[in-house]
N, C-alpha and C. Protein backbone atom coordinates (compact mmCIF):
# COMPACT_ATOMS: atom_id res chain seq x y z
N MET A 1 106.27 95.74 114.90
CA MET A 1 107.19 96.84 115.16
C MET A 1 108.46 96.64 114.35
N ARG A 2 109.06 97.75 113.95
CA ARG A 2 110.29 97.73 113.17
C ARG A 2 111.26 98.76 113.73
N VAL A 3 112.55 98.40 113.78
CA VAL A 3 113.61 99.31 114.22
C VAL A 3 114.48 99.65 113.02
N GLY A 4 114.90 100.89 112.94
CA GLY A 4 115.81 101.31 111.87
C GLY A 4 116.96 102.11 112.45
N LEU A 5 118.13 101.98 111.83
CA LEU A 5 119.33 102.68 112.28
C LEU A 5 119.90 103.46 111.11
N GLY A 6 120.27 104.71 111.36
CA GLY A 6 120.86 105.54 110.32
C GLY A 6 122.14 106.21 110.78
N TYR A 7 123.01 106.47 109.84
CA TYR A 7 124.29 107.14 110.11
C TYR A 7 124.63 108.00 108.91
N ASP A 8 125.27 109.14 109.15
CA ASP A 8 125.80 109.94 108.06
C ASP A 8 126.94 110.80 108.58
N ILE A 9 127.82 111.15 107.66
CA ILE A 9 128.93 112.05 107.95
C ILE A 9 129.22 112.86 106.69
N HIS A 10 129.48 114.14 106.88
CA HIS A 10 129.85 115.02 105.77
C HIS A 10 131.01 115.90 106.21
N PRO A 11 131.91 116.21 105.28
CA PRO A 11 132.98 117.14 105.60
C PRO A 11 132.47 118.57 105.65
N LEU A 12 133.07 119.36 106.52
CA LEU A 12 132.79 120.80 106.56
C LEU A 12 133.57 121.50 105.47
N THR A 13 132.98 122.54 104.89
CA THR A 13 133.62 123.27 103.81
C THR A 13 133.23 124.74 103.87
N GLU A 14 134.03 125.56 103.24
CA GLU A 14 133.75 127.00 103.17
C GLU A 14 132.63 127.27 102.17
N ASN A 15 132.00 128.42 102.31
CA ASN A 15 131.03 128.94 101.34
C ASN A 15 129.78 128.08 101.15
N ARG A 16 129.34 127.45 102.22
CA ARG A 16 128.07 126.72 102.22
C ARG A 16 127.38 126.96 103.54
N PRO A 17 126.05 127.04 103.54
CA PRO A 17 125.35 127.16 104.82
C PRO A 17 125.39 125.83 105.56
N LEU A 18 125.34 125.88 106.88
CA LEU A 18 125.28 124.68 107.70
C LEU A 18 123.81 124.39 107.98
N ILE A 19 123.31 123.32 107.38
CA ILE A 19 121.92 122.92 107.55
C ILE A 19 121.91 121.60 108.33
N LEU A 20 121.20 121.59 109.46
CA LEU A 20 121.03 120.38 110.27
C LEU A 20 119.58 120.32 110.72
N GLY A 21 118.94 119.19 110.47
CA GLY A 21 117.54 119.05 110.85
C GLY A 21 116.64 120.04 110.12
N GLY A 22 117.08 120.47 108.95
CA GLY A 22 116.31 121.42 108.17
C GLY A 22 116.44 122.86 108.62
N ILE A 23 117.31 123.11 109.59
CA ILE A 23 117.50 124.44 110.17
C ILE A 23 118.86 124.98 109.75
N ASP A 24 118.89 126.25 109.39
CA ASP A 24 120.15 126.94 109.07
C ASP A 24 120.82 127.31 110.38
N VAL A 25 121.96 126.69 110.65
CA VAL A 25 122.71 126.92 111.89
C VAL A 25 123.84 127.90 111.59
N PRO A 26 123.89 129.03 112.27
CA PRO A 26 124.97 129.99 112.02
C PRO A 26 126.36 129.37 112.29
N HIS A 27 127.20 129.39 111.28
CA HIS A 27 128.56 128.88 111.40
C HIS A 27 129.34 129.34 110.17
N HIS A 28 130.65 129.44 110.29
CA HIS A 28 131.46 129.91 109.18
C HIS A 28 131.70 128.84 108.11
N LYS A 29 131.28 127.61 108.37
CA LYS A 29 131.39 126.54 107.39
C LYS A 29 130.07 125.78 107.33
N GLY A 30 129.87 125.12 106.20
CA GLY A 30 128.71 124.26 106.02
C GLY A 30 129.17 122.87 105.63
N LEU A 31 128.22 121.99 105.38
CA LEU A 31 128.55 120.62 105.02
C LEU A 31 128.57 120.45 103.51
N ALA A 32 129.59 119.76 103.03
CA ALA A 32 129.74 119.49 101.60
C ALA A 32 128.93 118.26 101.23
N GLY A 33 128.27 118.33 100.08
CA GLY A 33 127.51 117.19 99.60
C GLY A 33 126.72 117.54 98.36
N HIS A 34 126.10 116.54 97.77
CA HIS A 34 125.33 116.72 96.53
C HIS A 34 124.05 117.51 96.79
N SER A 35 123.35 117.17 97.88
CA SER A 35 122.14 117.89 98.27
C SER A 35 122.57 119.06 99.15
N ASP A 36 121.72 119.45 100.08
CA ASP A 36 122.14 120.48 101.05
C ASP A 36 123.05 119.89 102.12
N ALA A 37 123.29 118.57 102.06
CA ALA A 37 124.23 117.85 102.93
C ALA A 37 123.81 117.87 104.40
N ASP A 38 122.53 117.89 104.66
CA ASP A 38 121.99 117.87 106.02
C ASP A 38 122.19 116.47 106.60
N ALA A 39 123.30 116.27 107.27
CA ALA A 39 123.67 114.93 107.77
C ALA A 39 122.65 114.38 108.76
N LEU A 40 122.03 115.23 109.57
CA LEU A 40 121.03 114.75 110.53
C LEU A 40 119.81 114.21 109.79
N THR A 41 119.31 114.96 108.84
CA THR A 41 118.14 114.50 108.10
C THR A 41 118.46 113.26 107.28
N HIS A 42 119.67 113.16 106.76
CA HIS A 42 120.07 111.97 106.01
C HIS A 42 120.07 110.73 106.91
N ALA A 43 120.59 110.86 108.11
CA ALA A 43 120.60 109.72 109.04
C ALA A 43 119.18 109.31 109.41
N ILE A 44 118.29 110.28 109.57
CA ILE A 44 116.89 109.98 109.89
C ILE A 44 116.24 109.25 108.71
N CYS A 45 116.50 109.73 107.49
CA CYS A 45 115.98 109.04 106.31
C CYS A 45 116.45 107.59 106.27
N ASP A 46 117.74 107.37 106.53
CA ASP A 46 118.29 106.02 106.52
C ASP A 46 117.65 105.14 107.59
N ALA A 47 117.41 105.70 108.78
CA ALA A 47 116.78 104.94 109.85
C ALA A 47 115.36 104.51 109.44
N LEU A 48 114.60 105.44 108.89
CA LEU A 48 113.22 105.14 108.47
C LEU A 48 113.21 104.12 107.33
N LEU A 49 114.05 104.35 106.32
CA LEU A 49 114.11 103.41 105.20
C LEU A 49 114.56 102.02 105.66
N GLY A 50 115.53 101.98 106.55
CA GLY A 50 116.00 100.69 107.06
C GLY A 50 114.91 99.95 107.82
N ALA A 51 114.11 100.67 108.58
CA ALA A 51 113.05 100.04 109.37
C ALA A 51 112.01 99.37 108.48
N ILE A 52 111.80 99.89 107.28
CA ILE A 52 110.79 99.29 106.39
C ILE A 52 111.42 98.44 105.29
N GLY A 53 112.74 98.23 105.39
CA GLY A 53 113.43 97.38 104.43
C GLY A 53 113.53 97.98 103.04
N GLU A 54 113.69 99.30 102.96
CA GLU A 54 113.73 99.99 101.67
C GLU A 54 115.09 100.61 101.37
N GLY A 55 116.16 99.96 101.77
CA GLY A 55 117.49 100.42 101.42
C GLY A 55 117.94 101.64 102.19
N ASP A 56 118.54 102.60 101.47
CA ASP A 56 119.08 103.79 102.13
C ASP A 56 118.89 105.01 101.24
N ILE A 57 119.26 106.15 101.77
CA ILE A 57 119.06 107.42 101.06
C ILE A 57 119.84 107.47 99.75
N GLY A 58 121.02 106.88 99.73
CA GLY A 58 121.84 106.90 98.52
C GLY A 58 121.24 106.10 97.37
N SER A 59 120.55 105.00 97.68
CA SER A 59 119.93 104.21 96.62
C SER A 59 118.62 104.85 96.16
N ARG A 60 117.92 105.52 97.04
CA ARG A 60 116.64 106.17 96.69
C ARG A 60 116.86 107.52 96.01
N PHE A 61 117.86 108.27 96.46
CA PHE A 61 118.14 109.60 95.93
C PHE A 61 119.63 109.69 95.56
N PRO A 62 120.05 109.02 94.49
CA PRO A 62 121.49 108.93 94.18
C PRO A 62 122.11 110.28 93.81
N SER A 63 123.36 110.46 94.22
CA SER A 63 124.08 111.70 93.90
C SER A 63 124.38 111.79 92.40
N SER A 64 124.23 110.69 91.68
CA SER A 64 124.42 110.72 90.22
C SER A 64 123.22 111.35 89.50
N ASP A 65 122.13 111.58 90.22
CA ASP A 65 120.92 112.18 89.65
C ASP A 65 120.96 113.69 89.86
N ALA A 66 121.09 114.43 88.78
CA ALA A 66 121.21 115.89 88.85
C ALA A 66 119.99 116.55 89.47
N SER A 67 118.84 115.89 89.46
CA SER A 67 117.63 116.51 90.02
C SER A 67 117.72 116.67 91.54
N PHE A 68 118.65 115.98 92.17
CA PHE A 68 118.83 116.09 93.63
C PHE A 68 119.93 117.07 94.02
N LYS A 69 120.57 117.70 93.03
CA LYS A 69 121.65 118.65 93.31
C LYS A 69 121.10 119.82 94.13
N ASN A 70 121.70 120.04 95.30
CA ASN A 70 121.34 121.13 96.22
C ASN A 70 119.91 121.08 96.75
N ILE A 71 119.24 119.94 96.61
CA ILE A 71 117.87 119.81 97.11
C ILE A 71 117.86 119.85 98.64
N SER A 72 116.80 120.39 99.18
CA SER A 72 116.63 120.37 100.64
C SER A 72 116.41 118.93 101.10
N SER A 73 117.17 118.51 102.08
CA SER A 73 117.00 117.16 102.61
C SER A 73 115.66 116.98 103.28
N ILE A 74 115.03 118.06 103.68
CA ILE A 74 113.68 117.99 104.25
C ILE A 74 112.71 117.50 103.18
N VAL A 75 112.89 117.90 101.93
CA VAL A 75 112.06 117.41 100.83
C VAL A 75 112.23 115.90 100.70
N LEU A 76 113.48 115.43 100.82
CA LEU A 76 113.75 113.99 100.76
C LEU A 76 113.08 113.27 101.93
N LEU A 77 113.18 113.85 103.12
CA LEU A 77 112.54 113.26 104.30
C LEU A 77 111.03 113.19 104.12
N GLN A 78 110.43 114.22 103.56
CA GLN A 78 108.98 114.21 103.32
C GLN A 78 108.60 113.04 102.41
N GLU A 79 109.41 112.78 101.39
CA GLU A 79 109.14 111.64 100.51
C GLU A 79 109.29 110.32 101.25
N VAL A 80 110.32 110.22 102.10
CA VAL A 80 110.52 109.00 102.89
C VAL A 80 109.33 108.78 103.83
N VAL A 81 108.85 109.83 104.46
CA VAL A 81 107.68 109.72 105.35
C VAL A 81 106.47 109.20 104.56
N THR A 82 106.30 109.67 103.34
CA THR A 82 105.21 109.19 102.50
C THR A 82 105.35 107.70 102.22
N VAL A 83 106.58 107.25 101.95
CA VAL A 83 106.82 105.82 101.70
C VAL A 83 106.53 105.01 102.97
N VAL A 84 106.98 105.49 104.11
CA VAL A 84 106.73 104.80 105.39
C VAL A 84 105.22 104.63 105.59
N LYS A 85 104.48 105.70 105.38
CA LYS A 85 103.02 105.65 105.55
C LYS A 85 102.39 104.71 104.53
N SER A 86 102.88 104.71 103.30
CA SER A 86 102.31 103.85 102.26
C SER A 86 102.54 102.37 102.57
N LYS A 87 103.57 102.09 103.34
CA LYS A 87 103.87 100.71 103.76
C LYS A 87 103.06 100.32 105.00
N GLY A 88 102.28 101.27 105.53
CA GLY A 88 101.41 100.97 106.66
C GLY A 88 102.04 101.15 108.03
N TYR A 89 103.09 101.98 108.12
CA TYR A 89 103.77 102.19 109.40
C TYR A 89 103.66 103.64 109.87
N ARG A 90 103.82 103.83 111.15
CA ARG A 90 103.90 105.17 111.75
C ARG A 90 105.02 105.16 112.78
N LEU A 91 105.54 106.35 113.04
CA LEU A 91 106.66 106.51 113.96
C LEU A 91 106.19 106.40 115.40
N ILE A 92 106.87 105.56 116.17
CA ILE A 92 106.68 105.54 117.62
C ILE A 92 107.63 106.56 118.23
N ASN A 93 108.93 106.43 117.88
CA ASN A 93 109.88 107.45 118.34
C ASN A 93 111.14 107.43 117.50
N LEU A 94 111.85 108.56 117.60
CA LEU A 94 113.12 108.74 116.92
C LEU A 94 114.10 109.32 117.92
N ASP A 95 115.30 108.80 117.94
CA ASP A 95 116.36 109.32 118.79
C ASP A 95 117.58 109.52 117.90
N ALA A 96 118.18 110.71 117.97
CA ALA A 96 119.32 111.00 117.11
C ALA A 96 120.38 111.79 117.88
N VAL A 97 121.62 111.63 117.43
CA VAL A 97 122.73 112.36 118.02
C VAL A 97 123.54 112.99 116.88
N ILE A 98 123.93 114.24 117.10
CA ILE A 98 124.80 114.96 116.16
C ILE A 98 126.15 115.08 116.85
N ILE A 99 127.21 114.69 116.16
CA ILE A 99 128.55 114.76 116.73
C ILE A 99 129.33 115.82 115.98
N ALA A 100 129.60 116.93 116.68
CA ALA A 100 130.27 118.08 116.06
C ALA A 100 131.12 118.79 117.10
N GLN A 101 132.34 119.10 116.75
CA GLN A 101 133.19 119.89 117.64
C GLN A 101 132.69 121.33 117.71
N ALA A 102 132.29 121.84 116.54
CA ALA A 102 131.77 123.20 116.44
C ALA A 102 130.81 123.24 115.26
N PRO A 103 129.81 124.06 115.34
CA PRO A 103 129.45 124.99 116.41
C PRO A 103 128.75 124.26 117.55
N ARG A 104 128.53 124.94 118.64
CA ARG A 104 127.75 124.40 119.74
C ARG A 104 126.30 124.32 119.29
N LEU A 105 125.72 123.15 119.35
CA LEU A 105 124.39 122.94 118.77
C LEU A 105 123.25 122.98 119.79
N GLY A 106 123.57 122.94 121.07
CA GLY A 106 122.53 122.94 122.10
C GLY A 106 121.46 124.00 121.91
N PRO A 107 121.82 125.24 121.62
CA PRO A 107 120.81 126.28 121.45
C PRO A 107 119.88 126.08 120.25
N HIS A 108 120.21 125.18 119.34
CA HIS A 108 119.43 124.98 118.11
C HIS A 108 118.60 123.70 118.14
N LEU A 109 118.79 122.86 119.15
CA LEU A 109 118.13 121.55 119.16
C LEU A 109 116.61 121.65 119.23
N ALA A 110 116.08 122.56 120.03
CA ALA A 110 114.62 122.67 120.16
C ALA A 110 113.97 123.04 118.83
N LYS A 111 114.59 123.97 118.10
CA LYS A 111 114.05 124.37 116.80
C LYS A 111 114.13 123.21 115.81
N MET A 112 115.25 122.48 115.81
CA MET A 112 115.40 121.31 114.94
C MET A 112 114.34 120.27 115.27
N ARG A 113 114.18 120.03 116.56
CA ARG A 113 113.22 119.01 117.02
C ARG A 113 111.81 119.35 116.57
N ALA A 114 111.39 120.59 116.77
CA ALA A 114 110.04 121.01 116.38
C ALA A 114 109.86 120.86 114.87
N HIS A 115 110.86 121.29 114.10
CA HIS A 115 110.77 121.22 112.65
C HIS A 115 110.69 119.76 112.18
N LEU A 116 111.56 118.92 112.70
CA LEU A 116 111.55 117.51 112.30
C LEU A 116 110.27 116.81 112.72
N ALA A 117 109.75 117.12 113.90
CA ALA A 117 108.50 116.50 114.35
C ALA A 117 107.36 116.83 113.38
N ARG A 118 107.30 118.07 112.91
CA ARG A 118 106.26 118.44 111.94
C ARG A 118 106.40 117.62 110.66
N VAL A 119 107.62 117.51 110.15
CA VAL A 119 107.84 116.76 108.91
C VAL A 119 107.55 115.28 109.11
N LEU A 120 107.90 114.76 110.28
CA LEU A 120 107.67 113.34 110.59
C LEU A 120 106.22 113.05 110.98
N GLU A 121 105.41 114.12 111.09
CA GLU A 121 104.01 114.00 111.49
C GLU A 121 103.90 113.30 112.84
N ALA A 122 104.74 113.75 113.77
CA ALA A 122 104.82 113.15 115.10
C ALA A 122 104.79 114.24 116.17
N ASP A 123 104.33 113.88 117.35
CA ASP A 123 104.41 114.79 118.48
C ASP A 123 105.88 115.01 118.81
N GLU A 124 106.21 116.21 119.28
CA GLU A 124 107.61 116.52 119.61
C GLU A 124 108.19 115.56 120.64
N ASP A 125 107.37 115.06 121.55
CA ASP A 125 107.91 114.17 122.58
C ASP A 125 108.30 112.80 122.01
N ARG A 126 108.05 112.57 120.73
CA ARG A 126 108.47 111.33 120.08
C ARG A 126 109.77 111.51 119.29
N VAL A 127 110.30 112.73 119.31
CA VAL A 127 111.54 113.05 118.60
C VAL A 127 112.54 113.58 119.62
N ASN A 128 113.68 112.93 119.72
CA ASN A 128 114.71 113.35 120.66
C ASN A 128 116.01 113.59 119.91
N LEU A 129 116.64 114.72 120.21
CA LEU A 129 117.92 115.07 119.59
C LEU A 129 118.94 115.37 120.67
N LYS A 130 120.17 114.95 120.41
CA LYS A 130 121.28 115.22 121.32
C LYS A 130 122.46 115.72 120.50
N ALA A 131 123.29 116.51 121.14
CA ALA A 131 124.52 116.98 120.49
C ALA A 131 125.70 116.59 121.37
N LYS A 132 126.72 116.08 120.74
CA LYS A 132 127.96 115.69 121.42
C LYS A 132 129.13 116.33 120.69
N SER A 133 130.20 116.57 121.42
CA SER A 133 131.40 117.12 120.76
C SER A 133 132.29 115.97 120.32
N GLY A 134 133.24 116.30 119.50
CA GLY A 134 134.21 115.29 119.06
C GLY A 134 135.34 115.09 120.04
N GLU A 135 135.34 115.86 121.13
CA GLU A 135 136.39 115.76 122.15
C GLU A 135 137.78 115.88 121.56
N GLY A 136 137.89 116.60 120.44
CA GLY A 136 139.20 116.82 119.83
C GLY A 136 139.76 115.62 119.10
N VAL A 137 138.94 114.57 118.89
CA VAL A 137 139.41 113.32 118.28
C VAL A 137 139.00 113.26 116.81
N ASP A 138 139.84 112.80 115.97
CA ASP A 138 139.66 112.53 114.54
C ASP A 138 139.13 113.74 113.76
N ALA A 139 138.57 113.49 112.58
CA ALA A 139 138.11 114.58 111.71
C ALA A 139 137.04 115.43 112.37
N ILE A 140 136.20 114.83 113.17
CA ILE A 140 135.16 115.61 113.86
C ILE A 140 135.81 116.53 114.89
N GLY A 141 136.69 116.00 115.68
CA GLY A 141 137.37 116.79 116.70
C GLY A 141 138.23 117.90 116.13
N ARG A 142 138.73 117.70 114.91
CA ARG A 142 139.53 118.74 114.23
C ARG A 142 138.65 119.73 113.46
N GLU A 143 137.34 119.62 113.63
CA GLU A 143 136.35 120.48 112.96
C GLU A 143 136.41 120.34 111.45
N GLU A 144 136.66 119.12 110.98
CA GLU A 144 136.69 118.84 109.54
C GLU A 144 135.39 118.19 109.06
N ALA A 145 134.58 117.68 109.99
CA ALA A 145 133.37 116.95 109.61
C ALA A 145 132.35 116.98 110.74
N ILE A 146 131.12 116.63 110.39
CA ILE A 146 130.03 116.43 111.35
C ILE A 146 129.41 115.08 111.03
N ALA A 147 129.16 114.28 112.07
CA ALA A 147 128.54 112.96 111.91
C ALA A 147 127.23 112.92 112.69
N THR A 148 126.37 112.00 112.28
CA THR A 148 125.08 111.84 112.96
C THR A 148 124.69 110.37 113.00
N HIS A 149 123.95 110.03 114.04
CA HIS A 149 123.36 108.70 114.18
C HIS A 149 121.88 108.89 114.50
N ALA A 150 121.05 108.00 113.99
CA ALA A 150 119.62 108.06 114.30
C ALA A 150 119.08 106.65 114.41
N VAL A 151 118.14 106.46 115.32
CA VAL A 151 117.44 105.19 115.46
C VAL A 151 115.95 105.50 115.59
N CYS A 152 115.13 104.70 114.94
CA CYS A 152 113.70 104.90 115.03
C CYS A 152 113.00 103.58 115.32
N LEU A 153 111.81 103.71 115.87
CA LEU A 153 110.93 102.57 116.10
C LEU A 153 109.61 102.89 115.41
N LEU A 154 109.18 101.98 114.54
CA LEU A 154 107.92 102.12 113.83
C LEU A 154 106.97 101.02 114.26
N GLU A 155 105.68 101.30 114.13
CA GLU A 155 104.67 100.27 114.34
C GLU A 155 103.69 100.32 113.18
N THR A 156 102.96 99.24 113.01
CA THR A 156 101.96 99.25 111.96
C THR A 156 100.89 100.28 112.34
N ALA A 157 100.42 101.01 111.34
CA ALA A 157 99.43 102.06 111.59
C ALA A 157 98.12 101.46 112.08
N GLU A 158 97.78 100.31 111.57
CA GLU A 158 96.59 99.59 112.04
C GLU A 158 97.08 98.39 112.86
N PRO A 159 96.75 98.35 114.13
CA PRO A 159 97.19 97.20 114.94
C PRO A 159 96.77 95.88 114.30
N GLN A 160 97.73 94.97 114.19
CA GLN A 160 97.47 93.66 113.59
C GLN A 160 97.14 92.66 114.70
N PRO A 161 96.12 91.82 114.48
CA PRO A 161 95.79 90.81 115.50
C PRO A 161 96.92 89.81 115.63
N ARG A 162 97.19 89.40 116.86
CA ARG A 162 98.22 88.38 117.13
C ARG A 162 97.62 87.00 116.93
N PRO A 163 98.37 86.10 116.30
CA PRO A 163 97.85 84.72 116.10
C PRO A 163 97.71 83.97 117.41
């Protein structure tokens, strides 16, 4: 079994869609970044990559590479899932939290969860998402940024005999 932890934060900006978990969330601001800046999907990628000892999203998909400009983070997650599978692992579960003062994300979590479960090739009950507010504290509380945390547990796809 392997555990992975992921984190991401992006500033909110005008004139960009807000994409979280591969879903377009209605809001007057979106996240700034080289790709679509989907902070939730980035944290999930980092958790999966960390669990298999393969670095992080920035080393695998560097912002210095123009081919990743405005790319859907779901495409990046699909590639990470392929790498996880090629290493002989499968997802046991994923738990993630989105920290945002606005917009209210509760109404969008089920759609995000279903979408991410499909991409992760996992049953929905193995993917859990939570939303928390910034409680008015720091850049998140001032509605300047959105942060995310994710943790995953992987197991070998083929059970290994114990010595």
